[in-house]
Amino acid sequence: NKLIGLYRALLRLDYALKNGVSGIDEKSLVTILLLKYLRT
């Protein structure tokens, strides 16, 4: 179940990076994503 959530988050992250939706740089977004899923 956690892997599905991580996969979905990676898809959203990829979409945000490709479309310039996020104002945060790529390395920061990946770090935030990893911290979020390591914490749970």
N, C-alpha and C. Protein backbone atom coordinates (compact mmCIF):
# COMPACT_ATOMS: atom_id res chain seq x y z
N ASN A 1 0.82 -1.19 0.00
CA ASN A 1 0.00 0.00 0.00
C ASN A 1 0.87 1.26 0.00
N LYS A 2 1.98 1.22 0.76
CA LYS A 2 2.89 2.36 0.78
C LYS A 2 3.55 2.56 -0.57
N LEU A 3 3.84 1.45 -1.26
CA LEU A 3 4.47 1.56 -2.57
C LEU A 3 3.55 2.23 -3.57
N ILE A 4 2.27 1.95 -3.48
CA ILE A 4 1.30 2.59 -4.38
C ILE A 4 1.26 4.09 -4.12
N GLY A 5 1.25 4.47 -2.86
CA GLY A 5 1.27 5.89 -2.51
C GLY A 5 2.53 6.58 -2.98
N LEU A 6 3.66 5.91 -2.83
CA LEU A 6 4.92 6.47 -3.29
C LEU A 6 4.93 6.62 -4.81
N TYR A 7 4.41 5.62 -5.51
CA TYR A 7 4.34 5.67 -6.96
C TYR A 7 3.46 6.84 -7.43
N ARG A 8 2.31 7.00 -6.80
CA ARG A 8 1.42 8.11 -7.16
C ARG A 8 2.08 9.45 -6.89
N ALA A 9 2.78 9.55 -5.77
CA ALA A 9 3.48 10.80 -5.45
C ALA A 9 4.57 11.09 -6.46
N LEU A 10 5.27 10.06 -6.91
CA LEU A 10 6.31 10.25 -7.92
C LEU A 10 5.71 10.72 -9.24
N LEU A 11 4.55 10.19 -9.59
CA LEU A 11 3.88 10.63 -10.81
C LEU A 11 3.48 12.10 -10.71
N ARG A 12 2.95 12.50 -9.55
CA ARG A 12 2.58 13.90 -9.34
C ARG A 12 3.80 14.80 -9.37
N LEU A 13 4.88 14.34 -8.79
CA LEU A 13 6.13 15.09 -8.77
C LEU A 13 6.65 15.27 -10.19
N ASP A 14 6.63 14.20 -10.97
CA ASP A 14 7.08 14.26 -12.36
C ASP A 14 6.24 15.24 -13.16
N TYR A 15 4.93 15.21 -12.96
CA TYR A 15 4.03 16.13 -13.66
C TYR A 15 4.34 17.58 -13.28
N ALA A 16 4.52 17.83 -11.99
CA ALA A 16 4.80 19.19 -11.52
C ALA A 16 6.11 19.70 -12.09
N LEU A 17 7.12 18.85 -12.14
CA LEU A 17 8.42 19.28 -12.66
C LEU A 17 8.36 19.56 -14.16
N LYS A 18 7.69 18.70 -14.90
CA LYS A 18 7.63 18.86 -16.36
C LYS A 18 6.80 20.07 -16.77
N ASN A 19 5.79 20.43 -15.98
CA ASN A 19 4.92 21.54 -16.34
C ASN A 19 5.27 22.83 -15.62
N GLY A 20 6.29 22.80 -14.80
CA GLY A 20 6.72 24.00 -14.09
C GLY A 20 5.69 24.50 -13.09
N VAL A 21 4.88 23.60 -12.56
CA VAL A 21 3.81 23.97 -11.63
C VAL A 21 4.39 24.39 -10.27
N SER A 22 5.46 23.73 -9.89
CA SER A 22 6.04 23.98 -8.56
C SER A 22 7.11 25.05 -8.64
N GLY A 23 7.15 25.90 -7.62
CA GLY A 23 8.18 26.92 -7.56
C GLY A 23 9.44 26.44 -6.85
N ILE A 24 9.41 25.19 -6.38
CA ILE A 24 10.55 24.61 -5.67
C ILE A 24 11.42 23.85 -6.67
N ASP A 25 12.73 23.87 -6.43
CA ASP A 25 13.62 23.15 -7.35
C ASP A 25 13.46 21.63 -7.19
N GLU A 26 13.94 20.92 -8.18
CA GLU A 26 13.74 19.46 -8.27
C GLU A 26 14.33 18.72 -7.07
N LYS A 27 15.52 19.08 -6.64
CA LYS A 27 16.17 18.36 -5.53
C LYS A 27 15.38 18.52 -4.24
N SER A 28 14.85 19.70 -4.01
CA SER A 28 14.05 19.93 -2.80
C SER A 28 12.77 19.11 -2.82
N LEU A 29 12.12 19.03 -3.97
CA LEU A 29 10.89 18.25 -4.07
C LEU A 29 11.13 16.78 -3.81
N VAL A 30 12.21 16.24 -4.35
CA VAL A 30 12.53 14.83 -4.14
C VAL A 30 12.83 14.57 -2.67
N THR A 31 13.57 15.48 -2.04
CA THR A 31 13.89 15.34 -0.62
C THR A 31 12.63 15.36 0.24
N ILE A 32 11.73 16.28 -0.05
CA ILE A 32 10.47 16.37 0.70
C ILE A 32 9.66 15.09 0.53
N LEU A 33 9.60 14.58 -0.69
CA LEU A 33 8.86 13.35 -0.96
C LEU A 33 9.45 12.18 -0.18
N LEU A 34 10.76 12.03 -0.20
CA LEU A 34 11.39 10.92 0.51
C LEU A 34 11.19 11.02 2.02
N LEU A 35 11.32 12.22 2.56
CA LEU A 35 11.11 12.40 3.99
C LEU A 35 9.68 12.07 4.40
N LYS A 36 8.74 12.45 3.56
CA LYS A 36 7.34 12.18 3.85
C LYS A 36 7.08 10.68 3.94
N TYR A 37 7.62 9.92 3.01
CA TYR A 37 7.33 8.49 2.99
C TYR A 37 8.23 7.68 3.90
N LEU A 38 9.38 8.19 4.27
CA LEU A 38 10.21 7.50 5.25
C LEU A 38 9.65 7.67 6.66
N ARG A 39 8.97 8.78 6.88
CA ARG A 39 8.39 9.09 8.19
C ARG A 39 7.22 8.16 8.52
N THR A 40 6.47 7.74 7.51
CA THR A 40 5.28 6.92 7.76
C THR A 40 5.60 5.45 7.85
